[in-house]
Amino acid sequence: MTDEPRPHRFLTIEQAAEELNVKASLIRGLIKTGELRALQVGSRGMWRVGRQDVEDYIADAYRRTAERIAAGDLEDEGESDSESLGQQKPPL
């Protein structure tokens, strides 16, 4: 048995946002649409997101991305292929 602290099973919205490197408002939106599972606890109804639910969301996002790539539906947001290879675009 190790003396290492066991990570908490549940995350706050802010912790889940930090884990995914997004804003807390996006996490709230994902919860509202049902894309990310969460539960309310306590008399104040504080939201908690299970660590495994975050991992499941990530795995599902990878799967959806792979499907979009395979279908040719994925577009780059910003860089063109030449820019991503370190080449500059010619001036306009």
Protein backbone atom coordinates (compact mmCIF):
# COMPACT_ATOMS: atom_id res chain seq x y z
CA MET A 1 0.00 0.00 0.00
CA THR A 2 1.35 3.44 -0.90
CA ASP A 3 1.11 6.64 1.09
CA GLU A 4 0.36 8.71 -2.02
CA PRO A 5 -2.80 10.79 -1.69
CA ARG A 6 -5.67 9.46 -3.74
CA PRO A 7 -7.13 12.03 -6.13
CA HIS A 8 -10.67 13.15 -5.45
CA ARG A 9 -13.31 11.23 -7.37
CA PHE A 10 -15.21 14.38 -8.26
CA LEU A 11 -14.14 17.76 -9.62
CA THR A 12 -15.74 21.17 -9.32
CA ILE A 13 -16.76 22.89 -12.54
CA GLU A 14 -13.65 25.06 -12.25
CA GLN A 15 -11.39 22.03 -11.79
CA ALA A 16 -12.98 20.25 -14.77
CA ALA A 17 -12.45 23.41 -16.83
CA GLU A 18 -8.80 23.53 -15.80
CA GLU A 19 -8.38 19.85 -16.68
CA LEU A 20 -9.73 20.49 -20.20
CA ASN A 21 -8.06 23.91 -20.51
CA VAL A 22 -11.37 25.66 -21.20
CA LYS A 23 -13.54 28.22 -19.42
CA ALA A 24 -15.96 27.18 -16.69
CA SER A 25 -18.84 28.52 -18.81
CA LEU A 26 -18.05 25.90 -21.47
CA ILE A 27 -18.19 23.14 -18.85
CA ARG A 28 -21.57 24.47 -17.68
CA GLY A 29 -22.77 24.42 -21.29
CA LEU A 30 -21.57 20.85 -21.79
CA ILE A 31 -23.39 19.81 -18.63
CA LYS A 32 -26.57 21.62 -19.73
CA THR A 33 -26.59 19.88 -23.13
CA GLY A 34 -25.82 16.50 -21.57
CA GLU A 35 -22.48 16.13 -23.36
CA LEU A 36 -20.68 15.98 -20.01
CA ARG A 37 -22.22 14.06 -17.13
CA ALA A 38 -22.40 15.81 -13.78
CA LEU A 39 -24.43 15.76 -10.61
CA GLN A 40 -25.64 18.26 -8.08
CA VAL A 41 -24.81 17.64 -4.43
CA GLY A 42 -25.72 19.25 -1.16
CA SER A 43 -28.44 21.65 -0.19
CA ARG A 44 -26.98 24.37 -2.44
CA GLY A 45 -26.95 22.09 -5.48
CA MET A 46 -23.24 22.45 -6.21
CA TRP A 47 -22.19 20.74 -9.44
CA ARG A 48 -19.59 17.98 -9.44
CA VAL A 49 -18.09 16.19 -12.43
CA GLY A 50 -16.65 12.71 -12.03
CA ARG A 51 -13.02 12.27 -13.08
CA GLN A 52 -14.08 9.27 -15.17
CA ASP A 53 -16.79 11.38 -16.83
CA VAL A 54 -14.11 13.87 -17.91
CA GLU A 55 -12.02 10.98 -19.28
CA ASP A 56 -15.08 9.58 -21.08
CA TYR A 57 -15.78 13.00 -22.59
CA ILE A 58 -12.18 13.21 -23.83
CA ALA A 59 -12.35 9.71 -25.35
CA ASP A 60 -15.64 10.57 -27.07
CA ALA A 61 -14.16 13.84 -28.40
CA TYR A 62 -11.21 11.90 -29.86
CA ARG A 63 -13.64 9.44 -31.49
CA ARG A 64 -15.79 12.23 -32.98
CA THR A 65 -12.69 14.03 -34.25
CA ALA A 66 -11.37 10.86 -35.90
CA GLU A 67 -14.75 10.36 -37.60
CA ARG A 68 -14.73 13.96 -38.88
CA ILE A 69 -11.18 13.56 -40.19
CA ALA A 70 -12.12 10.33 -41.95
CA ALA A 71 -15.14 12.05 -43.51
CA GLY A 72 -13.06 15.05 -44.61
CA ASP A 73 -15.19 17.42 -42.52
CA LEU A 74 -12.45 18.82 -40.30
CA GLU A 75 -11.19 22.31 -41.10
CA ASP A 76 -8.12 23.99 -39.64
CA GLU A 77 -8.86 26.98 -37.46
CA GLY A 78 -6.24 29.51 -38.46
CA GLU A 79 -3.10 28.03 -39.91
CA SER A 80 -2.86 26.76 -43.45
CA ASP A 81 -0.77 23.69 -44.26
CA SER A 82 2.17 25.86 -45.36
CA GLU A 83 2.09 27.85 -42.12
CA SER A 84 1.95 24.74 -39.99
CA LEU A 85 5.08 23.48 -41.79
CA GLY A 86 6.91 26.69 -40.95
CA GLN A 87 6.51 28.22 -44.41
CA GLN A 88 5.17 31.72 -44.79
CA LYS A 89 2.36 32.73 -47.10
CA PRO A 90 3.36 35.02 -49.95
CA PRO A 91 2.32 38.66 -49.37
CA LEU A 92 -0.98 39.72 -50.90
